[in-house]
Every structure is written in structure tokens, then in C-alpha cells.
PDB file of N, CA and C in Angstrom:
ATOM      1  N   MET A   1      35.657 143.749  49.667  1.00  0.00           N
ATOM      2  CA  MET A   1      36.503 142.984  48.788  1.00  0.00           C
ATOM      3  C   MET A   1      36.251 143.358  47.339  1.00  0.00           C
ATOM      4  N   ALA A   2      37.255 143.264  46.511  1.00  0.00           N
ATOM      5  CA  ALA A   2      37.109 143.607  45.125  1.00  0.00           C
ATOM      6  C   ALA A   2      36.620 142.427  44.304  1.00  0.00           C
ATOM      7  N   THR A   3      36.100 142.767  43.122  1.00  0.00           N
ATOM      8  CA  THR A   3      35.675 141.753  42.197  1.00  0.00           C
ATOM      9  C   THR A   3      36.452 141.939  40.940  1.00  0.00           C
ATOM     10  N   ILE A   4      36.915 140.767  40.350  1.00  0.00           N
ATOM     11  CA  ILE A   4      37.678 140.805  39.133  1.00  0.00           C
ATOM     12  C   ILE A   4      36.986 139.936  38.078  1.00  0.00           C
ATOM     13  N   THR A   5      36.858 140.481  36.880  1.00  0.00           N
ATOM     14  CA  THR A   5      36.302 139.715  35.805  1.00  0.00           C
ATOM     15  C   THR A   5      37.438 139.386  34.811  1.00  0.00           C
ATOM     16  N   ILE A   6      37.557 138.066  34.488  1.00  0.00           N
ATOM     17  CA  ILE A   6      38.611 137.663  33.615  1.00  0.00           C
ATOM     18  C   ILE A   6      37.923 137.039  32.367  1.00  0.00           C
ATOM     19  N   ARG A   7      38.202 137.546  31.192  1.00  0.00           N
ATOM     20  CA  ARG A   7      37.605 137.018  29.981  1.00  0.00           C
ATOM     21  C   ARG A   7      38.646 136.213  29.189  1.00  0.00           C
ATOM     22  N   ASN A   8      38.072 135.417  28.278  1.00  0.00           N
ATOM     23  CA  ASN A   8      38.868 134.647  27.280  1.00  0.00           C
ATOM     24  C   ASN A   8      39.871 133.663  27.950  1.00  0.00           C
ATOM     25  N   ILE A   9      39.404 132.956  28.974  1.00  0.00           N
ATOM     26  CA  ILE A   9      40.225 131.912  29.541  1.00  0.00           C
ATOM     27  C   ILE A   9      40.050 130.689  28.696  1.00  0.00           C
ATOM     28  N   PRO A  10      41.176 130.101  28.289  1.00  0.00           N
ATOM     29  CA  PRO A  10      41.060 128.898  27.408  1.00  0.00           C
ATOM     30  C   PRO A  10      40.250 127.787  28.137  1.00  0.00           C
ATOM     31  N   ASP A  11      39.484 127.055  27.335  1.00  0.00           N
ATOM     32  CA  ASP A  11      38.619 125.968  27.937  1.00  0.00           C
ATOM     33  C   ASP A  11      39.448 124.927  28.704  1.00  0.00           C
ATOM     34  N   GLU A  12      40.677 124.646  28.218  1.00  0.00           N
ATOM     35  CA  GLU A  12      41.453 123.600  28.913  1.00  0.00           C
ATOM     36  C   GLU A  12      41.915 124.179  30.280  1.00  0.00           C
ATOM     37  N   VAL A  13      42.121 125.428  30.398  1.00  0.00           N
ATOM     38  CA  VAL A  13      42.511 126.065  31.730  1.00  0.00           C
ATOM     39  C   VAL A  13      41.323 125.920  32.654  1.00  0.00           C
ATOM     40  N   VAL A  14      40.117 126.240  32.208  1.00  0.00           N
ATOM     41  CA  VAL A  14      38.955 126.209  33.016  1.00  0.00           C
ATOM     42  C   VAL A  14      38.698 124.761  33.435  1.00  0.00           C
ATOM     43  N   GLU A  15      38.844 123.804  32.594  1.00  0.00           N
ATOM     44  CA  GLU A  15      38.698 122.410  33.000  1.00  0.00           C
ATOM     45  C   GLU A  15      39.758 121.995  34.026  1.00  0.00           C
ATOM     46  N   MET A  16      40.995 122.463  33.928  1.00  0.00           N
ATOM     47  CA  MET A  16      41.984 122.097  34.924  1.00  0.00           C
ATOM     48  C   MET A  16      41.589 122.726  36.262  1.00  0.00           C
ATOM     49  N   ILE A  17      41.105 123.969  36.254  1.00  0.00           N
ATOM     50  CA  ILE A  17      40.704 124.634  37.531  1.00  0.00           C
ATOM     51  C   ILE A  17      39.536 123.894  38.141  1.00  0.00           C
ATOM     52  N   LYS A  18      38.573 123.445  37.363  1.00  0.00           N
ATOM     53  CA  LYS A  18      37.412 122.756  37.802  1.00  0.00           C
ATOM     54  C   LYS A  18      37.853 121.398  38.458  1.00  0.00           C
ATOM     55  N   SER A  19      38.752 120.736  37.777  1.00  0.00           N
ATOM     56  CA  SER A  19      39.320 119.481  38.314  1.00  0.00           C
ATOM     57  C   SER A  19      40.008 119.677  39.625  1.00  0.00           C
ATOM     58  N   ARG A  20      40.824 120.697  39.642  1.00  0.00           N
ATOM     59  CA  ARG A  20      41.578 121.011  40.885  1.00  0.00           C
ATOM     60  C   ARG A  20      40.636 121.376  42.027  1.00  0.00           C
ATOM     61  N   ALA A  21      39.598 122.110  41.675  1.00  0.00           N
ATOM     62  CA  ALA A  21      38.579 122.535  42.695  1.00  0.00           C
ATOM     63  C   ALA A  21      37.844 121.252  43.251  1.00  0.00           C
ATOM     64  N   ARG A  22      37.484 120.378  42.343  1.00  0.00           N
ATOM     65  CA  ARG A  22      36.835 119.156  42.848  1.00  0.00           C
ATOM     66  C   ARG A  22      37.777 118.376  43.773  1.00  0.00           C
ATOM     67  N   HIS A  23      39.028 118.250  43.379  1.00  0.00           N
ATOM     68  CA  HIS A  23      39.995 117.531  44.170  1.00  0.00           C
ATOM     69  C   HIS A  23      40.124 118.127  45.533  1.00  0.00           C
ATOM     70  N   ASN A  24      40.119 119.457  45.604  1.00  0.00           N
ATOM     71  CA  ASN A  24      40.284 120.198  46.879  1.00  0.00           C
ATOM     72  C   ASN A  24      38.978 120.446  47.652  1.00  0.00           C
ATOM     73  N   ARG A  25      37.919 119.970  47.044  1.00  0.00           N
ATOM     74  CA  ARG A  25      36.559 120.122  47.625  1.00  0.00           C
ATOM     75  C   ARG A  25      36.211 121.595  47.846  1.00  0.00           C
ATOM     76  N   ARG A  26      36.428 122.379  46.769  1.00  0.00           N
ATOM     77  CA  ARG A  26      36.132 123.788  46.783  1.00  0.00           C
ATOM     78  C   ARG A  26      35.280 124.103  45.558  1.00  0.00           C
ATOM     79  N   SER A  27      34.657 125.269  45.594  1.00  0.00           N
ATOM     80  CA  SER A  27      34.035 125.798  44.402  1.00  0.00           C
ATOM     81  C   SER A  27      35.184 126.277  43.486  1.00  0.00           C
ATOM     82  N   MET A  28      34.804 126.460  42.228  1.00  0.00           N
ATOM     83  CA  MET A  28      35.810 126.976  41.274  1.00  0.00           C
ATOM     84  C   MET A  28      36.261 128.353  41.717  1.00  0.00           C
ATOM     85  N   GLU A  29      35.365 129.218  42.202  1.00  0.00           N
ATOM     86  CA  GLU A  29      35.690 130.518  42.622  1.00  0.00           C
ATOM     87  C   GLU A  29      36.691 130.456  43.787  1.00  0.00           C
ATOM     88  N   GLN A  30      36.436 129.556  44.749  1.00  0.00           N
ATOM     89  CA  GLN A  30      37.386 129.433  45.883  1.00  0.00           C
ATOM     90  C   GLN A  30      38.743 128.988  45.405  1.00  0.00           C
ATOM     91  N   GLU A  31      38.701 128.081  44.444  1.00  0.00           N
ATOM     92  CA  GLU A  31      39.991 127.550  43.850  1.00  0.00           C
ATOM     93  C   GLU A  31      40.785 128.668  43.203  1.00  0.00           C
ATOM     94  N   VAL A  32      40.152 129.462  42.436  1.00  0.00           N
ATOM     95  CA  VAL A  32      40.861 130.536  41.752  1.00  0.00           C
ATOM     96  C   VAL A  32      41.388 131.597  42.793  1.00  0.00           C
ATOM     97  N   ARG A  33      40.662 131.862  43.842  1.00  0.00           N
ATOM     98  CA  ARG A  33      41.190 132.739  44.872  1.00  0.00           C
ATOM     99  C   ARG A  33      42.416 132.148  45.544  1.00  0.00           C
ATOM    100  N   SER A  34      42.377 130.850  45.777  1.00  0.00           N
ATOM    101  CA  SER A  34      43.504 130.166  46.336  1.00  0.00           C
ATOM    102  C   SER A  34      44.773 130.180  45.437  1.00  0.00           C
ATOM    103  N   ILE A  35      44.544 129.989  44.154  1.00  0.00           N
ATOM    104  CA  ILE A  35      45.637 130.027  43.239  1.00  0.00           C
ATOM    105  C   ILE A  35      46.256 131.379  43.133  1.00  0.00           C
ATOM    106  N   LEU A  36      45.419 132.399  43.094  1.00  0.00           N
ATOM    107  CA  LEU A  36      45.951 133.784  43.058  1.00  0.00           C
ATOM    108  C   LEU A  36      46.691 134.135  44.322  1.00  0.00           C
ATOM    109  N   ALA A  37      46.157 133.816  45.449  1.00  0.00           N
ATOM    110  CA  ALA A  37      46.811 134.128  46.658  1.00  0.00           C
ATOM    111  C   ALA A  37      48.124 133.392  46.839  1.00  0.00           C
ATOM    112  N   GLY A  38      48.134 132.119  46.405  1.00  0.00           N
ATOM    113  CA  GLY A  38      49.377 131.346  46.475  1.00  0.00           C
ATOM    114  C   GLY A  38      50.491 131.952  45.546  1.00  0.00           C
ATOM    115  N   ALA A  39      50.084 132.422  44.367  1.00  0.00           N
ATOM    116  CA  ALA A  39      51.032 132.986  43.448  1.00  0.00           C
ATOM    117  C   ALA A  39      51.655 134.264  43.998  1.00  0.00           C
ATOM    118  N   VAL A  40      50.855 135.077  44.622  1.00  0.00           N
ATOM    119  CA  VAL A  40      51.354 136.339  45.203  1.00  0.00           C
ATOM    120  C   VAL A  40      52.238 136.018  46.422  1.00  0.00           C
ATOM    121  N   HIS A  41      51.832 135.112  47.271  1.00  0.00           N
ATOM    122  CA  HIS A  41      52.673 134.795  48.432  1.00  0.00           C
ATOM    123  C   HIS A  41      53.934 134.150  48.028  1.00  0.00           C
ATOM    124  N   ASP A  42      53.939 133.259  47.004  1.00  0.00           N
ATOM    125  CA  ASP A  42      55.128 132.627  46.538  1.00  0.00           C
ATOM    126  C   ASP A  42      56.154 133.646  46.096  1.00  0.00           C
ATOM    127  N   ARG A  43      55.715 134.674  45.377  1.00  0.00           N
ATOM    128  CA  ARG A  43      56.629 135.680  44.914  1.00  0.00           C
ATOM    129  C   ARG A  43      57.191 136.476  46.061  1.00  0.00           C
ATOM    130  N   GLU A  44      56.395 136.790  47.042  1.00  0.00           N
ATOM    131  CA  GLU A  44      56.826 137.519  48.244  1.00  0.00           C
ATOM    132  C   GLU A  44      57.916 136.722  48.963  1.00  0.00           C
ATOM    133  N   ARG A  45      57.670 135.421  49.157  1.00  0.00           N
ATOM    134  CA  ARG A  45      58.649 134.544  49.839  1.00  0.00           C
ATOM    135  C   ARG A  45      59.960 134.497  49.080  1.00  0.00           C
ATOM    136  N   ALA A  46      59.844 134.369  47.729  1.00  0.00           N
ATOM    137  CA  ALA A  46      61.079 134.293  46.929  1.00  0.00           C
ATOM    138  C   ALA A  46      61.851 135.603  47.021  1.00  0.00           C
ATOM    139  N   MET A  47      61.134 136.765  46.936  1.00  0.00           N
ATOM    140  CA  MET A  47      61.848 138.029  47.084  1.00  0.00           C
ATOM    141  C   MET A  47      62.542 138.173  48.400  1.00  0.00           C
ATOM    142  N   LYS A  48      61.858 137.811  49.500  1.00  0.00           N
ATOM    143  CA  LYS A  48      62.522 137.870  50.754  1.00  0.00           C
ATOM    144  C   LYS A  48      63.756 136.976  50.870  1.00  0.00           C
ATOM    145  N   ARG A  49      63.693 135.825  50.294  1.00  0.00           N
ATOM    146  CA  ARG A  49      64.871 134.918  50.284  1.00  0.00           C
ATOM    147  C   ARG A  49      65.987 135.536  49.437  1.00  0.00           C
ATOM    148  N   ILE A  50      65.681 136.133  48.329  1.00  0.00           N
ATOM    149  CA  ILE A  50      66.652 136.734  47.477  1.00  0.00           C
ATOM    150  C   ILE A  50      67.303 137.909  48.218  1.00  0.00           C
ATOM    151  N   GLU A  51      66.478 138.715  48.896  1.00  0.00           N
ATOM    152  CA  GLU A  51      67.072 139.801  49.652  1.00  0.00           C
ATOM    153  C   GLU A  51      67.973 139.334  50.778  1.00  0.00           C
ATOM    154  N   SER A  52      67.581 138.253  51.400  1.00  0.00           N
ATOM    155  CA  SER A  52      68.424 137.710  52.441  1.00  0.00           C
ATOM    156  C   SER A  52      69.789 137.218  51.885  1.00  0.00           C
ATOM    157  N   LEU A  53      69.697 136.460  50.790  1.00  0.00           N
ATOM    158  CA  LEU A  53      70.935 136.017  50.123  1.00  0.00           C
ATOM    159  C   LEU A  53      71.790 137.175  49.585  1.00  0.00           C
ATOM    160  N   TRP A  54      71.078 138.174  49.072  1.00  0.00           N
ATOM    161  CA  TRP A  54      71.820 139.326  48.511  1.00  0.00           C
ATOM    162  C   TRP A  54      72.693 139.981  49.574  1.00  0.00           C
ATOM    163  N   LYS A  55      72.157 140.130  50.764  1.00  0.00           N
ATOM    164  CA  LYS A  55      72.913 140.767  51.911  1.00  0.00           C
ATOM    165  C   LYS A  55      74.142 140.001  52.284  1.00  0.00           C
ATOM    166  N   LYS A  56      74.169 138.670  52.002  1.00  0.00           N
ATOM    167  CA  LYS A  56      75.277 137.849  52.390  1.00  0.00           C
ATOM    168  C   LYS A  56      76.366 137.847  51.332  1.00  0.00           C
ATOM    169  N   GLN A  57      76.070 138.332  50.151  1.00  0.00           N
ATOM    170  CA  GLN A  57      77.063 138.297  49.048  1.00  0.00           C
ATOM    171  C   GLN A  57      78.162 139.302  49.206  1.00  0.00           C
ATOM    172  N   LYS A  58      79.361 138.936  48.801  1.00  0.00           N
ATOM    173  CA  LYS A  58      80.474 139.803  48.866  1.00  0.00           C
ATOM    174  C   LYS A  58      80.931 140.237  47.494  1.00  0.00           C
ATOM    175  N   ARG A  59      80.070 139.993  46.505  1.00  0.00           N
ATOM    176  CA  ARG A  59      80.456 140.330  45.136  1.00  0.00           C
ATOM    177  C   ARG A  59      79.174 140.758  44.390  1.00  0.00           C
ATOM    178  N   PRO A  60      79.353 141.492  43.278  1.00  0.00           N
ATOM    179  CA  PRO A  60      78.133 141.882  42.538  1.00  0.00           C
ATOM    180  C   PRO A  60      77.445 140.611  41.972  1.00  0.00           C
ATOM    181  N   ILE A  61      76.163 140.598  41.937  1.00  0.00           N
ATOM    182  CA  ILE A  61      75.407 139.489  41.507  1.00  0.00           C
ATOM    183  C   ILE A  61      74.815 139.758  40.132  1.00  0.00           C
ATOM    184  N   PRO A  62      75.191 138.916  39.134  1.00  0.00           N
ATOM    185  CA  PRO A  62      74.681 139.154  37.767  1.00  0.00           C
ATOM    186  C   PRO A  62      73.141 138.845  37.739  1.00  0.00           C
ATOM    187  N   ARG A  63      72.508 139.550  36.833  1.00  0.00           N
ATOM    188  CA  ARG A  63      71.067 139.349  36.683  1.00  0.00           C
ATOM    189  C   ARG A  63      70.687 137.918  36.409  1.00  0.00           C
ATOM    190  N   GLU A  64      71.475 137.178  35.645  1.00  0.00           N
ATOM    191  CA  GLU A  64      71.217 135.799  35.316  1.00  0.00           C
ATOM    192  C   GLU A  64      71.138 134.919  36.603  1.00  0.00           C
ATOM    193  N   GLU A  65      71.981 135.239  37.564  1.00  0.00           N
ATOM    194  CA  GLU A  65      72.030 134.476  38.811  1.00  0.00           C
ATOM    195  C   GLU A  65      70.745 134.760  39.587  1.00  0.00           C
ATOM    196  N   ILE A  66      70.271 136.019  39.631  1.00  0.00           N
ATOM    197  CA  ILE A  66      69.034 136.386  40.276  1.00  0.00           C
ATOM    198  C   ILE A  66      67.886 135.605  39.627  1.00  0.00           C
ATOM    199  N   ASP A  67      67.867 135.610  38.300  1.00  0.00           N
ATOM    200  CA  ASP A  67      66.807 134.895  37.590  1.00  0.00           C
ATOM    201  C   ASP A  67      66.794 133.376  37.949  1.00  0.00           C
ATOM    202  N   GLU A  68      67.996 132.851  38.127  1.00  0.00           N
ATOM    203  CA  GLU A  68      68.084 131.406  38.488  1.00  0.00           C
ATOM    204  C   GLU A  68      67.514 131.199  39.911  1.00  0.00           C
ATOM    205  N   TRP A  69      67.805 132.111  40.803  1.00  0.00           N
ATOM    206  CA  TRP A  69      67.255 132.008  42.155  1.00  0.00           C
ATOM    207  C   TRP A  69      65.726 132.007  42.105  1.00  0.00           C
ATOM    208  N   LEU A  70      65.165 132.874  41.279  1.00  0.00           N
ATOM    209  CA  LEU A  70      63.714 132.961  41.173  1.00  0.00           C
ATOM    210  C   LEU A  70      63.135 131.634  40.608  1.00  0.00           C
ATOM    211  N   ARG A  71      63.809 131.111  39.597  1.00  0.00           N
ATOM    212  CA  ARG A  71      63.326 129.836  39.018  1.00  0.00           C
ATOM    213  C   ARG A  71      63.421 128.726  40.054  1.00  0.00           C
ATOM    214  N   GLY A  72      64.519 128.730  40.846  1.00  0.00           N
ATOM    215  CA  GLY A  72      64.703 127.701  41.888  1.00  0.00           C
ATOM    216  C   GLY A  72      63.634 127.795  42.930  1.00  0.00           C
ATOM    217  N   ALA A  73      63.308 129.022  43.322  1.00  0.00           N
ATOM    218  CA  ALA A  73      62.264 129.217  44.334  1.00  0.00           C
ATOM    219  C   ALA A  73      60.895 128.683  43.834  1.00  0.00           C
ATOM    220  N   ARG A  74      60.599 128.979  42.515  1.00  0.00           N
ATOM    221  CA  ARG A  74      59.366 128.547  41.973  1.00  0.00           C
ATOM    222  C   ARG A  74      59.282 127.007  41.863  1.00  0.00           C
ATOM    223  N   SER A  75      60.393 126.381  41.450  1.00  0.00           N
ATOM    224  CA  SER A  75      60.349 124.939  41.366  1.00  0.00           C
ATOM    225  C   SER A  75      60.219 124.244  42.676  1.00  0.00           C
ATOM    226  N   ARG A  76      60.879 124.765  43.716  1.00  0.00           N
ATOM    227  CA  ARG A  76      60.705 124.149  45.060  1.00  0.00           C
ATOM    228  C   ARG A  76      59.296 124.286  45.527  1.00  0.00           C
ATOM    229  N   ASP A  77      58.610 125.397  45.243  1.00  0.00           N
ATOM    230  CA  ASP A  77      57.235 125.623  45.717  1.00  0.00           C
ATOM    231  C   ASP A  77      56.268 124.763  44.924  1.00  0.00           C
ATOM    232  N   ASP A  78      56.622 124.296  43.748  1.00  0.00           N
ATOM    233  CA  ASP A  78      55.706 123.483  42.921  1.00  0.00           C
ATOM    234  C   ASP A  78      55.669 122.049  43.412  1.00  0.00           C
ATOM    235  N   THR A  79      56.668 121.660  44.187  1.00  0.00           N
ATOM    236  CA  THR A  79      56.747 120.209  44.635  1.00  0.00           C
ATOM    237  C   THR A  79      55.929 120.051  45.890  1.00  0.00           C
TER     238      THR A  79
END
């Protein structure tokens, strides 16, 4: 497995991660891994959904509409 070093994380972000880790009964390192994995998987899921919807379209889809689909996928996953 790879190791990543991230510098200059704002103190408030570190505190939020620590709080979230405590809430989830994880170490801070485990919490950061979970956050990163979730972000990558969320994007993959959104892209698959967009590709599925794209195939069903009978018209050209403007970039703005695609951006809206991405925002919608992110907001649904945040709830």
C-alpha cells in the first residue's frame, strides 16, 4: 500500500476530521482513508449514472446539464 503525506492542512479541517473519527470510533488515519475512498467511489458512481443517462438521451446534452447532474449526485450522496 502507498503512503501519502499531506502538508498545510488547516487546523479547523484537522479538528473536524478528529471529531468525525471520534464519532465513528476510528483513528484519524482510518477516518481520512474512509473519506478518500468515499470521495473516489462517489465520483465513480456519478460517472456511471451519467453514462447511463447519456445513452438514453435523444438530443445533444449541454455541458451545463452535465454539471447539474454531477451536483445532484453529490448532494444526494451527502444526505
